[in-house]
């Protein structure tokens, strides 16, 4: 690789890294929000445990291009929220975790 292009390559790589971090942060926020929503619905007895399975099936059948929302994953989102909700200083940091 020519030396004169090194800076450009670095800019590209840094932008890719920044994009991945932004996507990860947004996904973590989504998982947090879904977990919070489900946790509150179940705690308030508006939803029973079976609703999570119904939700997963609904997503699969009505939005088949949306992946990653099986009942197991949705339960994990609820667990994720419930694990970190009582740590106000920690929860913003959790969103910065790199999952890649």
PDB file of N, CA and C in Angstrom:
ATOM      1  N   UNK A   1       0.846  -1.175   0.000  1.00  0.00           N
ATOM      2  CA  UNK A   1       0.000   0.000   0.000  1.00  0.00           C
ATOM      3  C   UNK A   1       0.892   1.239   0.000  1.00  0.00           C
ATOM      4  N   UNK A   2       0.497   2.182  -0.778  1.00  0.00           N
ATOM      5  CA  UNK A   2       1.273   3.409  -0.858  1.00  0.00           C
ATOM      6  C   UNK A   2       1.092   4.228   0.414  1.00  0.00           C
ATOM      7  N   UNK A   3       2.180   4.822   0.845  1.00  0.00           N
ATOM      8  CA  UNK A   3       2.169   5.633   2.061  1.00  0.00           C
ATOM      9  C   UNK A   3       1.229   6.821   1.969  1.00  0.00           C
ATOM     10  N   UNK A   4       1.083   7.395   0.816  1.00  0.00           N
ATOM     11  CA  UNK A   4       0.284   8.614   0.694  1.00  0.00           C
ATOM     12  C   UNK A   4      -1.206   8.364   0.917  1.00  0.00           C
ATOM     13  N   UNK A   5      -1.603   7.102   0.888  1.00  0.00           N
ATOM     14  CA  UNK A   5      -3.012   6.785   1.094  1.00  0.00           C
ATOM     15  C   UNK A   5      -3.312   6.301   2.518  1.00  0.00           C
ATOM     16  N   UNK A   6      -2.303   6.201   3.338  1.00  0.00           N
ATOM     17  CA  UNK A   6      -2.454   5.675   4.696  1.00  0.00           C
ATOM     18  C   UNK A   6      -3.465   6.476   5.512  1.00  0.00           C
ATOM     19  N   UNK A   7      -3.400   7.788   5.421  1.00  0.00           N
ATOM     20  CA  UNK A   7      -4.327   8.624   6.198  1.00  0.00           C
ATOM     21  C   UNK A   7      -5.778   8.380   5.785  1.00  0.00           C
ATOM     22  N   UNK A   8      -6.012   8.231   4.496  1.00  0.00           N
ATOM     23  CA  UNK A   8      -7.367   7.981   4.009  1.00  0.00           C
ATOM     24  C   UNK A   8      -7.871   6.625   4.506  1.00  0.00           C
ATOM     25  N   UNK A   9      -7.008   5.619   4.450  1.00  0.00           N
ATOM     26  CA  UNK A   9      -7.383   4.290   4.938  1.00  0.00           C
ATOM     27  C   UNK A   9      -7.735   4.364   6.421  1.00  0.00           C
ATOM     28  N   UNK A  10      -6.964   5.107   7.186  1.00  0.00           N
ATOM     29  CA  UNK A  10      -7.241   5.268   8.617  1.00  0.00           C
ATOM     30  C   UNK A  10      -8.582   5.955   8.846  1.00  0.00           C
ATOM     31  N   UNK A  11      -8.885   6.975   8.045  1.00  0.00           N
ATOM     32  CA  UNK A  11     -10.181   7.654   8.161  1.00  0.00           C
ATOM     33  C   UNK A  11     -11.331   6.683   7.893  1.00  0.00           C
ATOM     34  N   UNK A  12     -11.183   5.866   6.877  1.00  0.00           N
ATOM     35  CA  UNK A  12     -12.211   4.875   6.544  1.00  0.00           C
ATOM     36  C   UNK A  12     -12.394   3.894   7.698  1.00  0.00           C
ATOM     37  N   UNK A  13     -11.293   3.376   8.207  1.00  0.00           N
ATOM     38  CA  UNK A  13     -11.364   2.406   9.299  1.00  0.00           C
ATOM     39  C   UNK A  13     -11.989   3.017  10.550  1.00  0.00           C
ATOM     40  N   UNK A  14     -11.607   4.252  10.859  1.00  0.00           N
ATOM     41  CA  UNK A  14     -12.164   4.908  12.042  1.00  0.00           C
ATOM     42  C   UNK A  14     -13.662   5.148  11.882  1.00  0.00           C
ATOM     43  N   UNK A  15     -14.080   5.545  10.691  1.00  0.00           N
ATOM     44  CA  UNK A  15     -15.510   5.755  10.450  1.00  0.00           C
ATOM     45  C   UNK A  15     -16.289   4.453  10.556  1.00  0.00           C
ATOM     46  N   UNK A  16     -15.722   3.383  10.073  1.00  0.00           N
ATOM     47  CA  UNK A  16     -16.381   2.075  10.200  1.00  0.00           C
ATOM     48  C   UNK A  16     -16.537   1.696  11.669  1.00  0.00           C
ATOM     49  N   UNK A  17     -15.487   1.892  12.435  1.00  0.00           N
ATOM     50  CA  UNK A  17     -15.537   1.593  13.864  1.00  0.00           C
ATOM     51  C   UNK A  17     -16.601   2.441  14.549  1.00  0.00           C
ATOM     52  N   UNK A  18     -16.640   3.728  14.219  1.00  0.00           N
ATOM     53  CA  UNK A  18     -17.640   4.619  14.806  1.00  0.00           C
ATOM     54  C   UNK A  18     -19.057   4.192  14.432  1.00  0.00           C
ATOM     55  N   UNK A  19     -19.246   3.760  13.196  1.00  0.00           N
ATOM     56  CA  UNK A  19     -20.569   3.309  12.751  1.00  0.00           C
ATOM     57  C   UNK A  19     -21.002   2.061  13.515  1.00  0.00           C
ATOM     58  N   UNK A  20     -20.090   1.133  13.703  1.00  0.00           N
ATOM     59  CA  UNK A  20     -20.397  -0.089  14.449  1.00  0.00           C
ATOM     60  C   UNK A  20     -20.777   0.253  15.884  1.00  0.00           C
ATOM     61  N   UNK A  21     -20.036   1.169  16.496  1.00  0.00           N
ATOM     62  CA  UNK A  21     -20.352   1.581  17.867  1.00  0.00           C
ATOM     63  C   UNK A  21     -21.733   2.226  17.943  1.00  0.00           C
ATOM     64  N   UNK A  22     -22.060   3.056  16.965  1.00  0.00           N
ATOM     65  CA  UNK A  22     -23.368   3.720  16.956  1.00  0.00           C
ATOM     66  C   UNK A  22     -24.498   2.704  16.803  1.00  0.00           C
ATOM     67  N   UNK A  23     -24.314   1.743  15.918  1.00  0.00           N
ATOM     68  CA  UNK A  23     -25.329   0.703  15.726  1.00  0.00           C
ATOM     69  C   UNK A  23     -25.471  -0.130  16.998  1.00  0.00           C
ATOM     70  N   UNK A  24     -24.354  -0.509  17.600  1.00  0.00           N
ATOM     71  CA  UNK A  24     -24.403  -1.285  18.839  1.00  0.00           C
ATOM     72  C   UNK A  24     -25.139  -0.526  19.936  1.00  0.00           C
ATOM     73  N   UNK A  25     -24.840   0.744  20.063  1.00  0.00           N
ATOM     74  CA  UNK A  25     -25.491   1.561  21.080  1.00  0.00           C
ATOM     75  C   UNK A  25     -26.996   1.626  20.846  1.00  0.00           C
ATOM     76  N   UNK A  26     -27.400   1.790  19.605  1.00  0.00           N
ATOM     77  CA  UNK A  26     -28.829   1.859  19.279  1.00  0.00           C
ATOM     78  C   UNK A  26     -29.518   0.523  19.544  1.00  0.00           C
ATOM     79  N   UNK A  27     -28.859  -0.576  19.218  1.00  0.00           N
ATOM     80  CA  UNK A  27     -29.437  -1.898  19.494  1.00  0.00           C
ATOM     81  C   UNK A  27     -29.582  -2.138  20.991  1.00  0.00           C
ATOM     82  N   UNK A  28     -28.575  -1.750  21.748  1.00  0.00           N
ATOM     83  CA  UNK A  28     -28.643  -1.923  23.199  1.00  0.00           C
ATOM     84  C   UNK A  28     -29.775  -1.087  23.773  1.00  0.00           C
ATOM     85  N   UNK A  29     -29.948   0.129  23.263  1.00  0.00           N
ATOM     86  CA  UNK A  29     -31.063   0.969  23.700  1.00  0.00           C
ATOM     87  C   UNK A  29     -32.396   0.313  23.350  1.00  0.00           C
ATOM     88  N   UNK A  30     -32.496  -0.247  22.162  1.00  0.00           N
ATOM     89  CA  UNK A  30     -33.717  -0.951  21.760  1.00  0.00           C
ATOM     90  C   UNK A  30     -33.995  -2.125  22.694  1.00  0.00           C
ATOM     91  N   UNK A  31     -32.978  -2.947  22.952  1.00  0.00           N
ATOM     92  CA  UNK A  31     -33.152  -4.101  23.828  1.00  0.00           C
ATOM     93  C   UNK A  31     -33.568  -3.660  25.234  1.00  0.00           C
ATOM     94  N   UNK A  32     -32.945  -2.592  25.713  1.00  0.00           N
ATOM     95  CA  UNK A  32     -33.279  -2.024  27.027  1.00  0.00           C
ATOM     96  C   UNK A  32     -34.753  -1.602  27.052  1.00  0.00           C
ATOM     97  N   UNK A  33     -35.174  -0.862  26.036  1.00  0.00           N
ATOM     98  CA  UNK A  33     -36.546  -0.356  25.988  1.00  0.00           C
ATOM     99  C   UNK A  33     -37.574  -1.479  25.880  1.00  0.00           C
ATOM    100  N   UNK A  34     -37.276  -2.482  25.062  1.00  0.00           N
ATOM    101  CA  UNK A  34     -38.180  -3.631  24.959  1.00  0.00           C
ATOM    102  C   UNK A  34     -38.239  -4.364  26.297  1.00  0.00           C
ATOM    103  N   UNK A  35     -37.082  -4.577  26.906  1.00  0.00           N
ATOM    104  CA  UNK A  35     -37.041  -5.246  28.206  1.00  0.00           C
ATOM    105  C   UNK A  35     -37.818  -4.492  29.266  1.00  0.00           C
ATOM    106  N   UNK A  36     -37.667  -3.176  29.270  1.00  0.00           N
ATOM    107  CA  UNK A  36     -38.397  -2.347  30.235  1.00  0.00           C
ATOM    108  C   UNK A  36     -39.903  -2.445  29.996  1.00  0.00           C
ATOM    109  N   UNK A  37     -40.306  -2.332  28.750  1.00  0.00           N
ATOM    110  CA  UNK A  37     -41.728  -2.384  28.397  1.00  0.00           C
ATOM    111  C   UNK A  37     -42.355  -3.701  28.855  1.00  0.00           C
ATOM    112  N   UNK A  38     -41.700  -4.791  28.524  1.00  0.00           N
ATOM    113  CA  UNK A  38     -42.225  -6.112  28.876  1.00  0.00           C
ATOM    114  C   UNK A  38     -42.226  -6.309  30.389  1.00  0.00           C
ATOM    115  N   UNK A  39     -41.157  -5.895  31.040  1.00  0.00           N
ATOM    116  CA  UNK A  39     -41.069  -6.020  32.489  1.00  0.00           C
ATOM    117  C   UNK A  39     -42.218  -5.289  33.174  1.00  0.00           C
ATOM    118  N   UNK A  40     -42.487  -4.081  32.732  1.00  0.00           N
ATOM    119  CA  UNK A  40     -43.570  -3.294  33.346  1.00  0.00           C
ATOM    120  C   UNK A  40     -44.941  -3.914  33.073  1.00  0.00           C
ATOM    121  N   UNK A  41     -45.145  -4.386  31.852  1.00  0.00           N
ATOM    122  CA  UNK A  41     -46.432  -5.008  31.519  1.00  0.00           C
ATOM    123  C   UNK A  41     -46.679  -6.252  32.374  1.00  0.00           C
ATOM    124  N   UNK A  42     -45.648  -7.047  32.566  1.00  0.00           N
ATOM    125  CA  UNK A  42     -45.790  -8.264  33.371  1.00  0.00           C
ATOM    126  C   UNK A  42     -45.946  -7.907  34.848  1.00  0.00           C
ATOM    127  N   UNK A  43     -45.148  -6.942  35.332  1.00  0.00           N
ATOM    128  CA  UNK A  43     -45.247  -6.530  36.736  1.00  0.00           C
ATOM    129  C   UNK A  43     -46.620  -5.956  37.069  1.00  0.00           C
ATOM    130  N   UNK A  44     -47.220  -5.252  36.133  1.00  0.00           N
ATOM    131  CA  UNK A  44     -48.534  -4.647  36.357  1.00  0.00           C
ATOM    132  C   UNK A  44     -49.674  -5.618  36.060  1.00  0.00           C
ATOM    133  N   UNK A  45     -49.333  -6.853  35.799  1.00  0.00           N
ATOM    134  CA  UNK A  45     -50.308  -7.916  35.509  1.00  0.00           C
ATOM    135  C   UNK A  45     -51.157  -7.612  34.278  1.00  0.00           C
ATOM    136  N   UNK A  46     -50.635  -6.752  33.402  1.00  0.00           N
ATOM    137  CA  UNK A  46     -51.331  -6.501  32.138  1.00  0.00           C
ATOM    138  C   UNK A  46     -51.056  -7.632  31.152  1.00  0.00           C
ATOM    139  N   UNK A  47     -49.877  -8.224  31.280  1.00  0.00           N
ATOM    140  CA  UNK A  47     -49.474  -9.323  30.411  1.00  0.00           C
ATOM    141  C   UNK A  47     -49.070 -10.502  31.271  1.00  0.00           C
ATOM    142  N   UNK A  48     -49.342 -11.701  30.762  1.00  0.00           N
ATOM    143  CA  UNK A  48     -48.827 -12.907  31.384  1.00  0.00           C
ATOM    144  C   UNK A  48     -47.572 -13.353  30.649  1.00  0.00           C
ATOM    145  N   UNK A  49     -46.916 -14.351  31.182  1.00  0.00           N
ATOM    146  CA  UNK A  49     -45.672 -14.836  30.578  1.00  0.00           C
ATOM    147  C   UNK A  49     -45.863 -15.327  29.145  1.00  0.00           C
ATOM    148  N   UNK A  50     -47.041 -15.847  28.826  1.00  0.00           N
ATOM    149  CA  UNK A  50     -47.267 -16.399  27.488  1.00  0.00           C
ATOM    150  C   UNK A  50     -47.283 -15.325  26.405  1.00  0.00           C
ATOM    151  N   UNK A  51     -47.455 -14.075  26.804  1.00  0.00           N
ATOM    152  CA  UNK A  51     -47.512 -12.996  25.818  1.00  0.00           C
ATOM    153  C   UNK A  51     -46.174 -12.848  25.089  1.00  0.00           C
ATOM    154  N   UNK A  52     -45.080 -13.159  25.753  1.00  0.00           N
ATOM    155  CA  UNK A  52     -43.769 -13.043  25.107  1.00  0.00           C
ATOM    156  C   UNK A  52     -43.679 -14.010  23.928  1.00  0.00           C
ATOM    157  N   UNK A  53     -44.164 -15.218  24.104  1.00  0.00           N
ATOM    158  CA  UNK A  53     -44.180 -16.184  23.003  1.00  0.00           C
ATOM    159  C   UNK A  53     -45.090 -15.697  21.885  1.00  0.00           C
ATOM    160  N   UNK A  54     -46.245 -15.153  22.253  1.00  0.00           N
ATOM    161  CA  UNK A  54     -47.163 -14.602  21.248  1.00  0.00           C
ATOM    162  C   UNK A  54     -46.510 -13.450  20.487  1.00  0.00           C
ATOM    163  N   UNK A  55     -45.811 -12.593  21.211  1.00  0.00           N
ATOM    164  CA  UNK A  55     -45.123 -11.460  20.588  1.00  0.00           C
ATOM    165  C   UNK A  55     -44.079 -11.943  19.594  1.00  0.00           C
ATOM    166  N   UNK A  56     -43.277 -12.918  19.998  1.00  0.00           N
ATOM    167  CA  UNK A  56     -42.243 -13.452  19.106  1.00  0.00           C
ATOM    168  C   UNK A  56     -42.867 -14.033  17.839  1.00  0.00           C
ATOM    169  N   UNK A  57     -43.952 -14.766  17.993  1.00  0.00           N
ATOM    170  CA  UNK A  57     -44.641 -15.336  16.827  1.00  0.00           C
ATOM    171  C   UNK A  57     -45.239 -14.241  15.954  1.00  0.00           C
ATOM    172  N   UNK A  58     -45.780 -13.214  16.584  1.00  0.00           N
ATOM    173  CA  UNK A  58     -46.358 -12.093  15.842  1.00  0.00           C
ATOM    174  C   UNK A  58     -45.291 -11.387  15.002  1.00  0.00           C
ATOM    175  N   UNK A  59     -44.144 -11.141  15.603  1.00  0.00           N
ATOM    176  CA  UNK A  59     -43.049 -10.489  14.870  1.00  0.00           C
ATOM    177  C   UNK A  59     -42.624 -11.361  13.696  1.00  0.00           C
ATOM    178  N   UNK A  60     -42.449 -12.662  13.940  1.00  0.00           N
ATOM    179  CA  UNK A  60     -42.026 -13.580  12.876  1.00  0.00           C
ATOM    180  C   UNK A  60     -43.017 -13.628  11.725  1.00  0.00           C
ATOM    181  N   UNK A  61     -44.297 -13.674  12.036  1.00  0.00           N
ATOM    182  CA  UNK A  61     -45.279 -13.830  10.959  1.00  0.00           C
ATOM    183  C   UNK A  61     -45.619 -12.520  10.260  1.00  0.00           C
ATOM    184  N   UNK A  62     -45.601 -11.412  10.985  1.00  0.00           N
ATOM    185  CA  UNK A  62     -45.994 -10.136  10.388  1.00  0.00           C
ATOM    186  C   UNK A  62     -44.827  -9.312   9.859  1.00  0.00           C
ATOM    187  N   UNK A  63     -43.649  -9.564  10.392  1.00  0.00           N
ATOM    188  CA  UNK A  63     -42.449  -8.834   9.961  1.00  0.00           C
ATOM    189  C   UNK A  63     -41.303  -9.828   9.778  1.00  0.00           C
ATOM    190  N   UNK A  64     -41.398 -10.742   8.813  1.00  0.00           N
ATOM    191  CA  UNK A  64     -40.408 -11.819   8.690  1.00  0.00           C
ATOM    192  C   UNK A  64     -38.980 -11.336   8.426  1.00  0.00           C
ATOM    193  N   UNK A  65     -38.828 -10.121   7.940  1.00  0.00           N
ATOM    194  CA  UNK A  65     -37.477  -9.604   7.693  1.00  0.00           C
ATOM    195  C   UNK A  65     -36.789  -9.141   8.978  1.00  0.00           C
ATOM    196  N   UNK A  66     -37.558  -8.986  10.048  1.00  0.00           N
ATOM    197  CA  UNK A  66     -36.984  -8.590  11.335  1.00  0.00           C
ATOM    198  C   UNK A  66     -36.514  -9.852  12.044  1.00  0.00           C
ATOM    199  N   UNK A  67     -35.232  -9.934  12.292  1.00  0.00           N
ATOM    200  CA  UNK A  67     -34.634 -11.123  12.904  1.00  0.00           C
ATOM    201  C   UNK A  67     -34.154 -10.808  14.319  1.00  0.00           C
ATOM    202  N   UNK A  68     -33.981 -11.850  15.122  1.00  0.00           N
ATOM    203  CA  UNK A  68     -33.383 -11.701  16.443  1.00  0.00           C
ATOM    204  C   UNK A  68     -34.380 -11.491  17.574  1.00  0.00           C
ATOM    205  N   UNK A  69     -35.665 -11.709  17.300  1.00  0.00           N
ATOM    206  CA  UNK A  69     -36.671 -11.462  18.321  1.00  0.00           C
ATOM    207  C   UNK A  69     -37.467 -12.725  18.635  1.00  0.00           C
ATOM    208  N   UNK A  70     -36.728 -13.796  18.884  1.00  0.00           N
ATOM    209  CA  UNK A  70     -37.355 -15.041  19.333  1.00  0.00           C
ATOM    210  C   UNK A  70     -37.825 -14.840  20.776  1.00  0.00           C
ATOM    211  N   UNK A  71     -38.651 -15.751  21.265  1.00  0.00           N
ATOM    212  CA  UNK A  71     -39.106 -15.607  22.646  1.00  0.00           C
ATOM    213  C   UNK A  71     -37.933 -15.652  23.624  1.00  0.00           C
ATOM    214  N   UNK A  72     -36.940 -16.481  23.344  1.00  0.00           N
ATOM    215  CA  UNK A  72     -35.759 -16.537  24.216  1.00  0.00           C
ATOM    216  C   UNK A  72     -35.025 -15.201  24.240  1.00  0.00           C
ATOM    217  N   UNK A  73     -34.848 -14.601  23.070  1.00  0.00           N
ATOM    218  CA  UNK A  73     -34.154 -13.315  23.018  1.00  0.00           C
ATOM    219  C   UNK A  73     -34.956 -12.215  23.705  1.00  0.00           C
ATOM    220  N   UNK A  74     -36.264 -12.238  23.540  1.00  0.00           N
ATOM    221  CA  UNK A  74     -37.097 -11.226  24.194  1.00  0.00           C
ATOM    222  C   UNK A  74     -37.030 -11.387  25.714  1.00  0.00           C
ATOM    223  N   UNK A  75     -37.028 -12.631  26.195  1.00  0.00           N
ATOM    224  CA  UNK A  75     -36.857 -12.847  27.640  1.00  0.00           C
ATOM    225  C   UNK A  75     -35.503 -12.326  28.102  1.00  0.00           C
ATOM    226  N   UNK A  76     -34.476 -12.488  27.269  1.00  0.00           N
ATOM    227  CA  UNK A  76     -33.147 -11.970  27.626  1.00  0.00           C
ATOM    228  C   UNK A  76     -33.158 -10.446  27.721  1.00  0.00           C
ATOM    229  N   UNK A  77     -33.931  -9.801  26.851  1.00  0.00           N
ATOM    230  CA  UNK A  77     -34.049  -8.341  26.900  1.00  0.00           C
ATOM    231  C   UNK A  77     -34.675  -7.907  28.223  1.00  0.00           C
ATOM    232  N   UNK A  78     -35.700  -8.627  28.635  1.00  0.00           N
ATOM    233  CA  UNK A  78     -36.335  -8.345  29.930  1.00  0.00           C
ATOM    234  C   UNK A  78     -35.338  -8.558  31.059  1.00  0.00           C
ATOM    235  N   UNK A  79     -34.597  -9.645  30.999  1.00  0.00           N
ATOM    236  CA  UNK A  79     -33.599  -9.946  32.023  1.00  0.00           C
ATOM    237  C   UNK A  79     -32.496  -8.887  32.036  1.00  0.00           C
ATOM    238  N   UNK A  80     -32.070  -8.456  30.871  1.00  0.00           N
ATOM    239  CA  UNK A  80     -31.052  -7.413  30.732  1.00  0.00           C
ATOM    240  C   UNK A  80     -31.509  -6.142  31.436  1.00  0.00           C
ATOM    241  N   UNK A  81     -32.736  -5.723  31.145  1.00  0.00           N
ATOM    242  CA  UNK A  81     -33.279  -4.525  31.785  1.00  0.00           C
ATOM    243  C   UNK A  81     -33.342  -4.706  33.298  1.00  0.00           C
ATOM    244  N   UNK A  82     -33.888  -5.824  33.745  1.00  0.00           N
ATOM    245  CA  UNK A  82     -34.072  -6.038  35.176  1.00  0.00           C
ATOM    246  C   UNK A  82     -32.750  -6.162  35.923  1.00  0.00           C
ATOM    247  N   UNK A  83     -31.722  -6.621  35.251  1.00  0.00           N
ATOM    248  CA  UNK A  83     -30.411  -6.750  35.880  1.00  0.00           C
ATOM    249  C   UNK A  83     -29.778  -5.389  36.152  1.00  0.00           C
ATOM    250  N   UNK A  84     -29.945  -4.441  35.236  1.00  0.00           N
ATOM    251  CA  UNK A  84     -29.234  -3.167  35.330  1.00  0.00           C
ATOM    252  C   UNK A  84     -30.097  -1.966  35.696  1.00  0.00           C
ATOM    253  N   UNK A  85     -31.399  -2.114  35.823  1.00  0.00           N
ATOM    254  CA  UNK A  85     -32.282  -0.966  36.036  1.00  0.00           C
ATOM    255  C   UNK A  85     -32.021  -0.237  37.348  1.00  0.00           C
ATOM    256  N   UNK A  86     -31.550  -0.926  38.362  1.00  0.00           N
ATOM    257  CA  UNK A  86     -31.335  -0.313  39.672  1.00  0.00           C
ATOM    258  C   UNK A  86     -29.950   0.300  39.836  1.00  0.00           C
ATOM    259  N   UNK A  87     -29.197   0.368  38.760  1.00  0.00           N
ATOM    260  CA  UNK A  87     -27.862   0.948  38.789  1.00  0.00           C
ATOM    261  C   UNK A  87     -27.812   2.140  37.836  1.00  0.00           C
ATOM    262  N   UNK A  88     -28.326   3.313  38.255  1.00  0.00           N
ATOM    263  CA  UNK A  88     -28.438   4.449  37.334  1.00  0.00           C
ATOM    264  C   UNK A  88     -27.108   4.892  36.736  1.00  0.00           C
ATOM    265  N   UNK A  89     -26.023   4.722  37.464  1.00  0.00           N
ATOM    266  CA  UNK A  89     -24.721   5.109  36.915  1.00  0.00           C
ATOM    267  C   UNK A  89     -24.207   4.070  35.928  1.00  0.00           C
ATOM    268  N   UNK A  90     -24.635   2.849  36.096  1.00  0.00           N
ATOM    269  CA  UNK A  90     -24.150   1.764  35.255  1.00  0.00           C
ATOM    270  C   UNK A  90     -24.929   1.638  33.955  1.00  0.00           C
ATOM    271  N   UNK A  91     -26.225   1.878  33.990  1.00  0.00           N
ATOM    272  CA  UNK A  91     -27.034   1.629  32.796  1.00  0.00           C
ATOM    273  C   UNK A  91     -26.587   2.421  31.564  1.00  0.00           C
ATOM    274  N   UNK A  92     -26.160   3.701  31.675  1.00  0.00           N
ATOM    275  CA  UNK A  92     -25.649   4.362  30.459  1.00  0.00           C
ATOM    276  C   UNK A  92     -24.364   3.708  29.941  1.00  0.00           C
ATOM    277  N   UNK A  93     -23.549   3.186  30.845  1.00  0.00           N
ATOM    278  CA  UNK A  93     -22.304   2.535  30.433  1.00  0.00           C
ATOM    279  C   UNK A  93     -22.577   1.228  29.707  1.00  0.00           C
ATOM    280  N   UNK A  94     -23.626   0.535  30.099  1.00  0.00           N
ATOM    281  CA  UNK A  94     -23.973  -0.732  29.452  1.00  0.00           C
ATOM    282  C   UNK A  94     -24.228  -0.505  27.969  1.00  0.00           C
ATOM    283  N   UNK A  95     -24.780   0.660  27.625  1.00  0.00           N
ATOM    284  CA  UNK A  95     -25.074   0.970  26.228  1.00  0.00           C
ATOM    285  C   UNK A  95     -23.800   1.134  25.391  1.00  0.00           C
ATOM    286  N   UNK A  96     -22.668   1.305  26.062  1.00  0.00           N
ATOM    287  CA  UNK A  96     -21.410   1.493  25.341  1.00  0.00           C
ATOM    288  C   UNK A  96     -20.655   0.188  25.121  1.00  0.00           C
ATOM    289  N   UNK A  97     -21.196  -0.909  25.593  1.00  0.00           N
ATOM    290  CA  UNK A  97     -20.540  -2.209  25.427  1.00  0.00           C
ATOM    291  C   UNK A  97     -20.424  -2.530  23.944  1.00  0.00           C
ATOM    292  N   UNK A  98     -19.270  -2.994  23.555  1.00  0.00           N
ATOM    293  CA  UNK A  98     -19.088  -3.433  22.173  1.00  0.00           C
ATOM    294  C   UNK A  98     -19.413  -4.915  22.098  1.00  0.00           C
ATOM    295  N   UNK A  99     -20.419  -5.267  21.308  1.00  0.00           N
ATOM    296  CA  UNK A  99     -20.844  -6.658  21.176  1.00  0.00           C
ATOM    297  C   UNK A  99     -20.176  -7.335  19.993  1.00  0.00           C
ATOM    298  N   UNK A 100     -19.343  -6.603  19.280  1.00  0.00           N
ATOM    299  CA  UNK A 100     -18.696  -7.192  18.105  1.00  0.00           C
ATOM    300  C   UNK A 100     -17.246  -7.492  18.399  1.00  0.00           C
TER     301      UNK A 100
END
